[in-house]
Full PDB file with SEQRES, HELIX, SHEET, SSBOND, CRYST1, ORIGX, SCALE, CONECT and MASTER records, all heavy atoms in Angstrom:
SEQRES   1 A   30  VAL ALA GLN LYS PHE PRO ASP ILE LEU PHE ALA LYS VAL          
SEQRES   2 A   30  ASP ILE GLU ALA GLU PRO GLU LEU ALA ALA ASP PHE ASN          
SEQRES   3 A   30  ILE ARG SER ILE                                              
HELIX    1 AA1 ALA A    2  LYS A    4  5                                   3    
HELIX    2 AA2 PRO A   19  ASP A   24  1                                   6    
CRYST1    1.000    1.000    1.000  90.00  90.00  90.00 P 1           1          
ORIGX1      1.000000  0.000000  0.000000        0.00000                         
ORIGX2      0.000000  1.000000  0.000000        0.00000                         
ORIGX3      0.000000  0.000000  1.000000        0.00000                         
SCALE1      1.000000  0.000000  0.000000        0.00000                         
SCALE2      0.000000  1.000000  0.000000        0.00000                         
SCALE3      0.000000  0.000000  1.000000        0.00000                         
ATOM      1  N   VAL A   1     123.134  28.663 -72.133  1.00  0.00           N  
ATOM      2  CA  VAL A   1     122.343  28.610 -73.365  1.00  0.00           C  
ATOM      3  C   VAL A   1     122.312  29.980 -74.035  1.00  0.00           C  
ATOM      4  O   VAL A   1     122.388  30.077 -75.260  1.00  0.00           O  
ATOM      5  CB  VAL A   1     120.931  28.058 -73.082  1.00  0.00           C  
ATOM      6  CG1 VAL A   1     120.040  28.154 -74.321  1.00  0.00           C  
ATOM      7  CG2 VAL A   1     121.013  26.601 -72.609  1.00  0.00           C  
ATOM      8  N   ALA A   2     122.240  31.037 -73.250  1.00  0.00           N  
ATOM      9  CA  ALA A   2     122.258  32.395 -73.812  1.00  0.00           C  
ATOM     10  C   ALA A   2     123.526  32.626 -74.629  1.00  0.00           C  
ATOM     11  O   ALA A   2     123.481  33.271 -75.686  1.00  0.00           O  
ATOM     12  CB  ALA A   2     122.141  33.427 -72.691  1.00  0.00           C  
ATOM     13  N   GLN A   3     124.644  32.095 -74.157  1.00  0.00           N  
ATOM     14  CA  GLN A   3     125.910  32.249 -74.884  1.00  0.00           C  
ATOM     15  C   GLN A   3     125.879  31.537 -76.239  1.00  0.00           C  
ATOM     16  O   GLN A   3     126.539  31.968 -77.185  1.00  0.00           O  
ATOM     17  CB  GLN A   3     127.072  31.703 -74.038  1.00  0.00           C  
ATOM     18  CG  GLN A   3     127.326  32.469 -72.767  1.00  0.00           C  
ATOM     19  CD  GLN A   3     127.752  33.904 -73.002  1.00  0.00           C  
ATOM     20  OE1 GLN A   3     128.456  34.206 -73.957  1.00  0.00           O  
ATOM     21  NE2 GLN A   3     127.323  34.797 -72.132  1.00  0.00           N  
ATOM     22  N   LYS A   4     125.107  30.465 -76.348  1.00  0.00           N  
ATOM     23  CA  LYS A   4     125.026  29.697 -77.598  1.00  0.00           C  
ATOM     24  C   LYS A   4     124.165  30.383 -78.656  1.00  0.00           C  
ATOM     25  O   LYS A   4     124.236  30.034 -79.826  1.00  0.00           O  
ATOM     26  CB  LYS A   4     124.447  28.303 -77.329  1.00  0.00           C  
ATOM     27  CG  LYS A   4     125.346  27.402 -76.523  1.00  0.00           C  
ATOM     28  CD  LYS A   4     124.678  26.050 -76.310  1.00  0.00           C  
ATOM     29  CE  LYS A   4     125.474  25.173 -75.401  1.00  0.00           C  
ATOM     30  NZ  LYS A   4     126.400  24.312 -76.102  1.00  0.00           N  
ATOM     31  N   PHE A   5     123.317  31.331 -78.221  1.00  0.00           N  
ATOM     32  CA  PHE A   5     122.386  31.981 -79.136  1.00  0.00           C  
ATOM     33  C   PHE A   5     122.515  33.507 -79.026  1.00  0.00           C  
ATOM     34  O   PHE A   5     121.631  34.184 -78.498  1.00  0.00           O  
ATOM     35  CB  PHE A   5     120.942  31.550 -78.821  1.00  0.00           C  
ATOM     36  CG  PHE A   5     120.689  30.092 -79.064  1.00  0.00           C  
ATOM     37  CD1 PHE A   5     120.790  29.178 -78.028  1.00  0.00           C  
ATOM     38  CD2 PHE A   5     120.365  29.633 -80.335  1.00  0.00           C  
ATOM     39  CE1 PHE A   5     120.561  27.829 -78.246  1.00  0.00           C  
ATOM     40  CE2 PHE A   5     120.141  28.282 -80.564  1.00  0.00           C  
ATOM     41  CZ  PHE A   5     120.238  27.380 -79.526  1.00  0.00           C  
ATOM     42  N   PRO A   6     123.603  34.071 -79.561  1.00  0.00           N  
ATOM     43  CA  PRO A   6     123.820  35.518 -79.433  1.00  0.00           C  
ATOM     44  C   PRO A   6     122.812  36.353 -80.219  1.00  0.00           C  
ATOM     45  O   PRO A   6     122.699  37.557 -79.997  1.00  0.00           O  
ATOM     46  CB  PRO A   6     125.239  35.713 -79.966  1.00  0.00           C  
ATOM     47  CG  PRO A   6     125.489  34.534 -80.841  1.00  0.00           C  
ATOM     48  CD  PRO A   6     124.694  33.403 -80.266  1.00  0.00           C  
ATOM     49  N   ASP A   7     122.053  35.717 -81.110  1.00  0.00           N  
ATOM     50  CA  ASP A   7     121.056  36.435 -81.909  1.00  0.00           C  
ATOM     51  C   ASP A   7     119.722  36.595 -81.182  1.00  0.00           C  
ATOM     52  O   ASP A   7     118.806  37.234 -81.696  1.00  0.00           O  
ATOM     53  CB  ASP A   7     120.844  35.718 -83.244  1.00  0.00           C  
ATOM     54  CG  ASP A   7     120.420  34.267 -83.072  1.00  0.00           C  
ATOM     55  OD1 ASP A   7     120.910  33.606 -82.129  1.00  0.00           O  
ATOM     56  OD2 ASP A   7     119.617  33.772 -83.888  1.00  0.00           O  
ATOM     57  N   ILE A   8     119.605  36.005 -79.999  1.00  0.00           N  
ATOM     58  CA  ILE A   8     118.367  36.056 -79.226  1.00  0.00           C  
ATOM     59  C   ILE A   8     118.645  36.770 -77.911  1.00  0.00           C  
ATOM     60  O   ILE A   8     119.703  36.589 -77.305  1.00  0.00           O  
ATOM     61  CB  ILE A   8     117.847  34.628 -78.956  1.00  0.00           C  
ATOM     62  CG1 ILE A   8     117.477  33.970 -80.288  1.00  0.00           C  
ATOM     63  CG2 ILE A   8     116.642  34.652 -78.016  1.00  0.00           C  
ATOM     64  CD1 ILE A   8     117.147  32.521 -80.164  1.00  0.00           C  
ATOM     65  N   LEU A   9     117.672  37.548 -77.461  1.00  0.00           N  
ATOM     66  CA  LEU A   9     117.831  38.254 -76.199  1.00  0.00           C  
ATOM     67  C   LEU A   9     117.352  37.381 -75.042  1.00  0.00           C  
ATOM     68  O   LEU A   9     116.219  36.898 -75.052  1.00  0.00           O  
ATOM     69  CB  LEU A   9     117.051  39.567 -76.200  1.00  0.00           C  
ATOM     70  CG  LEU A   9     117.241  40.386 -74.936  1.00  0.00           C  
ATOM     71  CD1 LEU A   9     118.661  40.907 -74.833  1.00  0.00           C  
ATOM     72  CD2 LEU A   9     116.261  41.513 -74.876  1.00  0.00           C  
ATOM     73  N   PHE A  10     118.221  37.179 -74.083  1.00  0.00           N  
ATOM     74  CA  PHE A  10     117.896  36.470 -72.846  1.00  0.00           C  
ATOM     75  C   PHE A  10     117.907  37.502 -71.731  1.00  0.00           C  
ATOM     76  O   PHE A  10     118.889  38.220 -71.554  1.00  0.00           O  
ATOM     77  CB  PHE A  10     118.921  35.368 -72.554  1.00  0.00           C  
ATOM     78  CG  PHE A  10     118.785  34.162 -73.435  1.00  0.00           C  
ATOM     79  CD1 PHE A  10     119.260  34.185 -74.743  1.00  0.00           C  
ATOM     80  CD2 PHE A  10     118.173  33.022 -72.967  1.00  0.00           C  
ATOM     81  CE1 PHE A  10     119.129  33.073 -75.562  1.00  0.00           C  
ATOM     82  CE2 PHE A  10     118.043  31.900 -73.777  1.00  0.00           C  
ATOM     83  CZ  PHE A  10     118.516  31.933 -75.075  1.00  0.00           C  
ATOM     84  N   ALA A  11     116.805  37.575 -71.005  1.00  0.00           N  
ATOM     85  CA  ALA A  11     116.663  38.578 -69.956  1.00  0.00           C  
ATOM     86  C   ALA A  11     116.228  37.914 -68.659  1.00  0.00           C  
ATOM     87  O   ALA A  11     115.733  36.788 -68.655  1.00  0.00           O  
ATOM     88  CB  ALA A  11     115.637  39.619 -70.381  1.00  0.00           C  
ATOM     89  N   LYS A  12     116.435  38.646 -67.562  1.00  0.00           N  
ATOM     90  CA  LYS A  12     116.060  38.153 -66.242  1.00  0.00           C  
ATOM     91  C   LYS A  12     115.273  39.238 -65.512  1.00  0.00           C  
ATOM     92  O   LYS A  12     115.587  40.408 -65.640  1.00  0.00           O  
ATOM     93  CB  LYS A  12     117.295  37.775 -65.426  1.00  0.00           C  
ATOM     94  CG  LYS A  12     118.082  36.610 -66.032  1.00  0.00           C  
ATOM     95  CD  LYS A  12     119.334  36.292 -65.279  1.00  0.00           C  
ATOM     96  CE  LYS A  12     119.122  35.547 -64.016  1.00  0.00           C  
ATOM     97  NZ  LYS A  12     118.694  34.172 -64.085  1.00  0.00           N  
ATOM     98  N   VAL A  13     114.258  38.802 -64.762  1.00  0.00           N  
ATOM     99  CA  VAL A  13     113.485  39.711 -63.923  1.00  0.00           C  
ATOM    100  C   VAL A  13     113.592  39.221 -62.488  1.00  0.00           C  
ATOM    101  O   VAL A  13     113.133  38.120 -62.171  1.00  0.00           O  
ATOM    102  CB  VAL A  13     112.001  39.771 -64.343  1.00  0.00           C  
ATOM    103  CG1 VAL A  13     111.206  40.637 -63.373  1.00  0.00           C  
ATOM    104  CG2 VAL A  13     111.857  40.278 -65.768  1.00  0.00           C  
ATOM    105  N   ASP A  14     114.201  40.019 -61.637  1.00  0.00           N  
ATOM    106  CA  ASP A  14     114.269  39.737 -60.209  1.00  0.00           C  
ATOM    107  C   ASP A  14     112.919  40.153 -59.624  1.00  0.00           C  
ATOM    108  O   ASP A  14     112.612  41.342 -59.557  1.00  0.00           O  
ATOM    109  CB  ASP A  14     115.414  40.526 -59.578  1.00  0.00           C  
ATOM    110  CG  ASP A  14     115.542  40.323 -58.084  1.00  0.00           C  
ATOM    111  OD1 ASP A  14     114.638  39.721 -57.457  1.00  0.00           O  
ATOM    112  OD2 ASP A  14     116.544  40.778 -57.522  1.00  0.00           O  
ATOM    113  N   ILE A  15     112.116  39.168 -59.210  1.00  0.00           N  
ATOM    114  CA  ILE A  15     110.762  39.485 -58.752  1.00  0.00           C  
ATOM    115  C   ILE A  15     110.744  40.291 -57.459  1.00  0.00           C  
ATOM    116  O   ILE A  15     109.756  40.951 -57.149  1.00  0.00           O  
ATOM    117  CB  ILE A  15     109.884  38.226 -58.613  1.00  0.00           C  
ATOM    118  CG1 ILE A  15     110.407  37.303 -57.522  1.00  0.00           C  
ATOM    119  CG2 ILE A  15     109.757  37.516 -59.951  1.00  0.00           C  
ATOM    120  CD1 ILE A  15     109.413  36.257 -57.082  1.00  0.00           C  
ATOM    121  N   GLU A  16     111.826  40.256 -56.695  1.00  0.00           N  
ATOM    122  CA  GLU A  16     111.914  41.063 -55.477  1.00  0.00           C  
ATOM    123  C   GLU A  16     112.111  42.535 -55.834  1.00  0.00           C  
ATOM    124  O   GLU A  16     111.535  43.419 -55.208  1.00  0.00           O  
ATOM    125  CB  GLU A  16     113.063  40.581 -54.587  1.00  0.00           C  
ATOM    126  CG  GLU A  16     112.847  39.202 -54.005  1.00  0.00           C  
ATOM    127  CD  GLU A  16     111.727  39.162 -52.981  1.00  0.00           C  
ATOM    128  OE1 GLU A  16     111.678  40.042 -52.098  1.00  0.00           O  
ATOM    129  OE2 GLU A  16     110.886  38.250 -53.076  1.00  0.00           O  
ATOM    130  N   ALA A  17     112.921  42.793 -56.842  1.00  0.00           N  
ATOM    131  CA  ALA A  17     113.198  44.166 -57.270  1.00  0.00           C  
ATOM    132  C   ALA A  17     112.102  44.713 -58.185  1.00  0.00           C  
ATOM    133  O   ALA A  17     111.908  45.922 -58.263  1.00  0.00           O  
ATOM    134  CB  ALA A  17     114.542  44.227 -57.987  1.00  0.00           C  
ATOM    135  N   GLU A  18     111.391  43.821 -58.878  1.00  0.00           N  
ATOM    136  CA  GLU A  18     110.378  44.220 -59.855  1.00  0.00           C  
ATOM    137  C   GLU A  18     109.042  43.518 -59.592  1.00  0.00           C  
ATOM    138  O   GLU A  18     108.534  42.784 -60.440  1.00  0.00           O  
ATOM    139  CB  GLU A  18     110.867  43.908 -61.270  1.00  0.00           C  
ATOM    140  CG  GLU A  18     112.124  44.628 -61.679  1.00  0.00           C  
ATOM    141  CD  GLU A  18     111.930  46.138 -61.784  1.00  0.00           C  
ATOM    142  OE1 GLU A  18     110.803  46.591 -62.081  1.00  0.00           O  
ATOM    143  OE2 GLU A  18     112.917  46.865 -61.575  1.00  0.00           O  
ATOM    144  N   PRO A  19     108.432  43.742 -58.429  1.00  0.00           N  
ATOM    145  CA  PRO A  19     107.176  43.038 -58.120  1.00  0.00           C  
ATOM    146  C   PRO A  19     106.033  43.403 -59.068  1.00  0.00           C  
ATOM    147  O   PRO A  19     105.173  42.556 -59.353  1.00  0.00           O  
ATOM    148  CB  PRO A  19     106.867  43.460 -56.684  1.00  0.00           C  
ATOM    149  CG  PRO A  19     107.603  44.741 -56.479  1.00  0.00           C  
ATOM    150  CD  PRO A  19     108.835  44.630 -57.336  1.00  0.00           C  
ATOM    151  N   GLU A  20     106.021  44.631 -59.586  1.00  0.00           N  
ATOM    152  CA  GLU A  20     104.949  45.024 -60.507  1.00  0.00           C  
ATOM    153  C   GLU A  20     105.033  44.239 -61.808  1.00  0.00           C  
ATOM    154  O   GLU A  20     104.018  43.813 -62.360  1.00  0.00           O  
ATOM    155  CB  GLU A  20     105.004  46.530 -60.807  1.00  0.00           C  
ATOM    156  CG  GLU A  20     104.829  47.416 -59.603  1.00  0.00           C  
ATOM    157  CD  GLU A  20     106.158  47.735 -58.906  1.00  0.00           C  
ATOM    158  OE1 GLU A  20     107.246  47.391 -59.450  1.00  0.00           O  
ATOM    159  OE2 GLU A  20     106.112  48.294 -57.804  1.00  0.00           O  
ATOM    160  N   LEU A  21     106.240  44.039 -62.287  1.00  0.00           N  
ATOM    161  CA  LEU A  21     106.438  43.284 -63.521  1.00  0.00           C  
ATOM    162  C   LEU A  21     106.037  41.823 -63.320  1.00  0.00           C  
ATOM    163  O   LEU A  21     105.380  41.227 -64.180  1.00  0.00           O  
ATOM    164  CB  LEU A  21     107.901  43.397 -63.975  1.00  0.00           C  
ATOM    165  CG  LEU A  21     108.230  43.167 -65.429  1.00  0.00           C  
ATOM    166  CD1 LEU A  21     107.327  43.942 -66.371  1.00  0.00           C  
ATOM    167  CD2 LEU A  21     109.674  43.524 -65.693  1.00  0.00           C  
ATOM    168  N   ALA A  22     106.390  41.274 -62.181  1.00  0.00           N  
ATOM    169  CA  ALA A  22     105.977  39.902 -61.860  1.00  0.00           C  
ATOM    170  C   ALA A  22     104.449  39.811 -61.781  1.00  0.00           C  
ATOM    171  O   ALA A  22     103.847  38.852 -62.275  1.00  0.00           O  
ATOM    172  CB  ALA A  22     106.612  39.445 -60.558  1.00  0.00           C  
ATOM    173  N   ALA A  23     103.827  40.816 -61.201  1.00  0.00           N  
ATOM    174  CA  ALA A  23     102.364  40.829 -61.100  1.00  0.00           C  
ATOM    175  C   ALA A  23     101.716  40.970 -62.474  1.00  0.00           C  
ATOM    176  O   ALA A  23     100.681  40.343 -62.745  1.00  0.00           O  
ATOM    177  CB  ALA A  23     101.917  41.959 -60.178  1.00  0.00           C  
ATOM    178  N   ASP A  24     102.321  41.757 -63.351  1.00  0.00           N  
ATOM    179  CA  ASP A  24     101.782  41.939 -64.703  1.00  0.00           C  
ATOM    180  C   ASP A  24     101.665  40.607 -65.432  1.00  0.00           C  
ATOM    181  O   ASP A  24     100.767  40.426 -66.257  1.00  0.00           O  
ATOM    182  CB  ASP A  24     102.674  42.873 -65.527  1.00  0.00           C  
ATOM    183  CG  ASP A  24     102.578  44.322 -65.104  1.00  0.00           C  
ATOM    184  OD1 ASP A  24     101.658  44.677 -64.328  1.00  0.00           O  
ATOM    185  OD2 ASP A  24     103.450  45.115 -65.536  1.00  0.00           O  
ATOM    186  N   PHE A  25     102.575  39.684 -65.150  1.00  0.00           N  
ATOM    187  CA  PHE A  25     102.573  38.374 -65.806  1.00  0.00           C  
ATOM    188  C   PHE A  25     102.043  37.268 -64.902  1.00  0.00           C  
ATOM    189  O   PHE A  25     102.185  36.090 -65.223  1.00  0.00           O  
ATOM    190  CB  PHE A  25     103.982  38.046 -66.331  1.00  0.00           C  
ATOM    191  CG  PHE A  25     104.336  38.861 -67.530  1.00  0.00           C  
ATOM    192  CD1 PHE A  25     105.056  40.037 -67.401  1.00  0.00           C  
ATOM    193  CD2 PHE A  25     103.909  38.480 -68.799  1.00  0.00           C  
ATOM    194  CE1 PHE A  25     105.365  40.821 -68.497  1.00  0.00           C  
ATOM    195  CE2 PHE A  25     104.212  39.256 -69.905  1.00  0.00           C  
ATOM    196  CZ  PHE A  25     104.941  40.427 -69.762  1.00  0.00           C  
ATOM    197  N   ASN A  26     101.449  37.669 -63.771  1.00  0.00           N  
ATOM    198  CA  ASN A  26     100.818  36.721 -62.851  1.00  0.00           C  
ATOM    199  C   ASN A  26     101.784  35.607 -62.430  1.00  0.00           C  
ATOM    200  O   ASN A  26     101.421  34.433 -62.412  1.00  0.00           O  
ATOM    201  CB  ASN A  26      99.546  36.145 -63.485  1.00  0.00           C  
ATOM    202  CG  ASN A  26      98.604  35.575 -62.455  1.00  0.00           C  
ATOM    203  OD1 ASN A  26      98.588  36.021 -61.307  1.00  0.00           O  
ATOM    204  ND2 ASN A  26      97.824  34.592 -62.855  1.00  0.00           N  
ATOM    205  N   ILE A  27     103.010  35.987 -62.110  1.00  0.00           N  
ATOM    206  CA  ILE A  27     104.021  35.017 -61.708  1.00  0.00           C  
ATOM    207  C   ILE A  27     103.699  34.527 -60.300  1.00  0.00           C  
ATOM    208  O   ILE A  27     103.649  35.303 -59.357  1.00  0.00           O  
ATOM    209  CB  ILE A  27     105.442  35.634 -61.753  1.00  0.00           C  
ATOM    210  CG1 ILE A  27     105.755  36.174 -63.150  1.00  0.00           C  
ATOM    211  CG2 ILE A  27     106.490  34.633 -61.283  1.00  0.00           C  
ATOM    212  CD1 ILE A  27     105.701  35.163 -64.276  1.00  0.00           C  
ATOM    213  N   ARG A  28     103.470  33.230 -60.164  1.00  0.00           N  
ATOM    214  CA  ARG A  28     103.131  32.622 -58.878  1.00  0.00           C  
ATOM    215  C   ARG A  28     104.172  31.604 -58.422  1.00  0.00           C  
ATOM    216  O   ARG A  28     104.254  31.289 -57.248  1.00  0.00           O  
ATOM    217  CB  ARG A  28     101.762  31.939 -58.946  1.00  0.00           C  
ATOM    218  CG  ARG A  28     100.629  32.883 -59.262  1.00  0.00           C  
ATOM    219  CD  ARG A  28     100.248  33.692 -58.031  1.00  0.00           C  
ATOM    220  NE  ARG A  28      99.164  34.602 -58.324  1.00  0.00           N  
ATOM    221  CZ  ARG A  28      99.289  35.909 -58.357  1.00  0.00           C  
ATOM    222  NH1 ARG A  28     100.455  36.479 -58.137  1.00  0.00           N  
ATOM    223  NH2 ARG A  28      98.260  36.680 -58.620  1.00  0.00           N  
ATOM    224  N   SER A  29     104.942  31.077 -59.367  1.00  0.00           N  
ATOM    225  CA  SER A  29     105.988  30.100 -59.064  1.00  0.00           C  
ATOM    226  C   SER A  29     107.238  30.491 -59.840  1.00  0.00           C  
ATOM    227  O   SER A  29     107.144  30.956 -60.975  1.00  0.00           O  
ATOM    228  CB  SER A  29     105.566  28.695 -59.502  1.00  0.00           C  
ATOM    229  OG  SER A  29     104.428  28.272 -58.799  1.00  0.00           O  
ATOM    230  N   ILE A  30     108.377  30.284 -59.205  1.00  0.00           N  
ATOM    231  CA  ILE A  30     109.648  30.576 -59.864  1.00  0.00           C  
ATOM    232  C   ILE A  30     110.594  29.402 -59.685  1.00  0.00           C  
ATOM    233  O   ILE A  30     110.429  28.639 -58.728  1.00  0.00           O  
ATOM    234  CB  ILE A  30     110.278  31.892 -59.346  1.00  0.00           C  
ATOM    235  CG1 ILE A  30     110.389  31.885 -57.821  1.00  0.00           C  
ATOM    236  CG2 ILE A  30     109.515  33.092 -59.841  1.00  0.00           C  
ATOM    237  CD1 ILE A  30     111.131  33.070 -57.243  1.00  0.00           C  
TER     238      ILE A  30                                                      
MASTER        0    0    0    2    0    0    0    6  237    1    0    3          
END                                                                             
């Protein structure tokens, strides 16, 4: 889907590598 919309930014957060970022957004399920 990211390839179909080059005008939009698609990003990924690895919760293992970025636990603080996951906590900032209260990520409980993935």
